[in-house]
Amino acid sequence: MPRFKLVDGVSIQLTAEEEAARDAEEAAYAAGAFDRAIARVREQRNALIKETDYLALSDNTLSAEMTTYRQALRDITNGLDTVEKCNNITWPTKP
């Protein structure tokens, strides 16, 4: 199916070179899907850990439940190797 571009309001079909370049751009974007997904997971995980950092200060003693929760957050990326797995994470419940 041919693709088109707008030039001065006129729809013009892409040349073979432009089609090839567009295909390469789309392939590169698709290849980075996992990297973007795992980055989102890490961002969310880091935010959740940061919410409980004050509990881990040297003058506080973490409860066993909080220690388990924080460890589960640190381990959340283990075994994630597909975009689908990144999108279907079951996050641990904060005690």
C-alpha atoms as a PDB file:
ATOM      1  CA  MET A   1       0.000   0.000   0.000  1.00  0.00           C
ATOM      2  CA  PRO A   2       1.606   3.279  -1.039  1.00  0.00           C
ATOM      3  CA  ARG A   3       2.265   6.024   1.469  1.00  0.00           C
ATOM      4  CA  PHE A   4       1.915   9.715   0.870  1.00  0.00           C
ATOM      5  CA  LYS A   5       3.276  12.986   2.194  1.00  0.00           C
ATOM      6  CA  LEU A   6       1.823  16.468   2.124  1.00  0.00           C
ATOM      7  CA  VAL A   7       3.818  19.106   0.280  1.00  0.00           C
ATOM      8  CA  ASP A   8       2.242  22.565   0.182  1.00  0.00           C
ATOM      9  CA  GLY A   9      -1.141  21.003   0.847  1.00  0.00           C
ATOM     10  CA  VAL A  10      -0.778  18.496  -2.007  1.00  0.00           C
ATOM     11  CA  SER A  11      -0.679  14.741  -1.329  1.00  0.00           C
ATOM     12  CA  ILE A  12       2.347  13.200  -3.072  1.00  0.00           C
ATOM     13  CA  GLN A  13       3.280   9.505  -3.097  1.00  0.00           C
ATOM     14  CA  LEU A  14       6.586   8.668  -1.421  1.00  0.00           C
ATOM     15  CA  THR A  15       9.471   7.638  -3.648  1.00  0.00           C
ATOM     16  CA  ALA A  16      11.075   4.203  -3.267  1.00  0.00           C
ATOM     17  CA  GLU A  17      13.938   5.784  -1.305  1.00  0.00           C
ATOM     18  CA  GLU A  18      11.529   7.594   0.998  1.00  0.00           C
ATOM     19  CA  GLU A  19       9.558   4.366   1.513  1.00  0.00           C
ATOM     20  CA  ALA A  20      12.767   2.522   2.422  1.00  0.00           C
ATOM     21  CA  ALA A  21      13.802   5.275   4.835  1.00  0.00           C
ATOM     22  CA  ARG A  22      10.358   5.252   6.460  1.00  0.00           C
ATOM     23  CA  ASP A  23      10.479   1.453   6.797  1.00  0.00           C
ATOM     24  CA  ALA A  24      13.886   1.717   8.477  1.00  0.00           C
ATOM     25  CA  GLU A  25      12.559   4.353  10.912  1.00  0.00           C
ATOM     26  CA  GLU A  26       9.570   2.168  11.808  1.00  0.00           C
ATOM     27  CA  ALA A  27      11.786  -0.888  12.299  1.00  0.00           C
ATOM     28  CA  ALA A  28      14.138   1.076  14.567  1.00  0.00           C
ATOM     29  CA  TYR A  29      11.199   2.342  16.628  1.00  0.00           C
ATOM     30  CA  ALA A  30       9.751  -1.167  16.957  1.00  0.00           C
ATOM     31  CA  ALA A  31      13.150  -2.538  17.980  1.00  0.00           C
ATOM     32  CA  GLY A  32      13.264  -0.066  20.880  1.00  0.00           C
ATOM     33  CA  ALA A  33       9.828  -1.027  22.248  1.00  0.00           C
ATOM     34  CA  PHE A  34      11.222  -3.246  25.011  1.00  0.00           C
ATOM     35  CA  ASP A  35      13.756  -0.625  26.082  1.00  0.00           C
ATOM     36  CA  ARG A  36      10.986   1.964  26.432  1.00  0.00           C
ATOM     37  CA  ALA A  37       8.741  -0.471  28.324  1.00  0.00           C
ATOM     38  CA  ILE A  38      11.427  -1.535  30.819  1.00  0.00           C
ATOM     39  CA  ALA A  39      12.381   2.129  31.349  1.00  0.00           C
ATOM     40  CA  ARG A  40       8.750   2.891  32.303  1.00  0.00           C
ATOM     41  CA  VAL A  41       8.754  -0.034  34.756  1.00  0.00           C
ATOM     42  CA  ARG A  42      11.995   1.139  36.336  1.00  0.00           C
ATOM     43  CA  GLU A  43      10.675   4.702  36.650  1.00  0.00           C
ATOM     44  CA  GLN A  44       7.570   3.516  38.464  1.00  0.00           C
ATOM     45  CA  ARG A  45       9.557   1.109  40.640  1.00  0.00           C
ATOM     46  CA  ASN A  46      12.029   3.826  41.599  1.00  0.00           C
ATOM     47  CA  ALA A  47       9.198   6.181  42.522  1.00  0.00           C
ATOM     48  CA  LEU A  48       7.609   3.536  44.757  1.00  0.00           C
ATOM     49  CA  ILE A  49      10.915   2.804  46.477  1.00  0.00           C
ATOM     50  CA  LYS A  50      11.529   6.530  46.937  1.00  0.00           C
ATOM     51  CA  GLU A  51       8.186   6.839  48.742  1.00  0.00           C
ATOM     52  CA  THR A  52       9.495   4.508  51.459  1.00  0.00           C
ATOM     53  CA  ASP A  53      13.129   5.650  51.603  1.00  0.00           C
ATOM     54  CA  TYR A  54      12.502   7.733  54.715  1.00  0.00           C
ATOM     55  CA  LEU A  55      11.624   4.496  56.536  1.00  0.00           C
ATOM     56  CA  ALA A  56      15.027   3.032  55.737  1.00  0.00           C
ATOM     57  CA  LEU A  57      17.047   5.777  57.419  1.00  0.00           C
ATOM     58  CA  SER A  58      19.655   4.647  59.912  1.00  0.00           C
ATOM     59  CA  ASP A  59      17.599   5.763  62.918  1.00  0.00           C
ATOM     60  CA  ASN A  60      14.578   3.684  61.863  1.00  0.00           C
ATOM     61  CA  THR A  61      14.065  -0.048  61.920  1.00  0.00           C
ATOM     62  CA  LEU A  62      12.147  -1.414  58.950  1.00  0.00           C
ATOM     63  CA  SER A  63       9.360  -3.851  59.642  1.00  0.00           C
ATOM     64  CA  ALA A  64       9.658  -7.268  58.037  1.00  0.00           C
ATOM     65  CA  GLU A  65       6.700  -6.438  55.781  1.00  0.00           C
ATOM     66  CA  MET A  66       8.324  -3.214  54.567  1.00  0.00           C
ATOM     67  CA  THR A  67      11.632  -4.976  53.984  1.00  0.00           C
ATOM     68  CA  THR A  68       9.818  -7.627  51.926  1.00  0.00           C
ATOM     69  CA  TYR A  69       7.903  -4.950  49.996  1.00  0.00           C
ATOM     70  CA  ARG A  70      11.043  -2.993  49.135  1.00  0.00           C
ATOM     71  CA  GLN A  71      12.872  -6.160  48.089  1.00  0.00           C
ATOM     72  CA  ALA A  72       9.927  -7.166  45.879  1.00  0.00           C
ATOM     73  CA  LEU A  73      10.115  -3.763  44.207  1.00  0.00           C
ATOM     74  CA  ARG A  74      13.848  -4.149  43.614  1.00  0.00           C
ATOM     75  CA  ASP A  75      13.248  -7.609  42.126  1.00  0.00           C
ATOM     76  CA  ILE A  76      10.281  -6.559  39.934  1.00  0.00           C
ATOM     77  CA  THR A  77      12.389  -6.339  36.754  1.00  0.00           C
ATOM     78  CA  ASN A  78      13.764  -9.871  37.120  1.00  0.00           C
ATOM     79  CA  GLY A  79      12.489 -12.046  34.293  1.00  0.00           C
ATOM     80  CA  LEU A  80      11.048  -9.186  32.258  1.00  0.00           C
ATOM     81  CA  ASP A  81      12.084  -9.859  28.691  1.00  0.00           C
ATOM     82  CA  THR A  82       9.080  -8.818  26.606  1.00  0.00           C
ATOM     83  CA  VAL A  83       6.918  -5.731  26.274  1.00  0.00           C
ATOM     84  CA  GLU A  84       3.888  -7.810  27.248  1.00  0.00           C
ATOM     85  CA  LYS A  85       5.479  -8.852  30.532  1.00  0.00           C
ATOM     86  CA  CYS A  86       6.383  -5.214  31.240  1.00  0.00           C
ATOM     87  CA  ASN A  87       2.808  -4.130  30.582  1.00  0.00           C
ATOM     88  CA  ASN A  88       1.283  -6.836  32.794  1.00  0.00           C
ATOM     89  CA  ILE A  89       3.223  -6.462  36.030  1.00  0.00           C
ATOM     90  CA  THR A  90       1.480  -7.190  39.300  1.00  0.00           C
ATOM     91  CA  TRP A  91       2.909  -4.622  41.664  1.00  0.00           C
ATOM     92  CA  PRO A  92       3.388  -5.591  45.310  1.00  0.00           C
ATOM     93  CA  THR A  93       1.023  -4.044  47.836  1.00  0.00           C
ATOM     94  CA  LYS A  94       2.508  -1.493  50.181  1.00  0.00           C
ATOM     95  CA  PRO A  95       2.095  -2.580  53.817  1.00  0.00           C
END
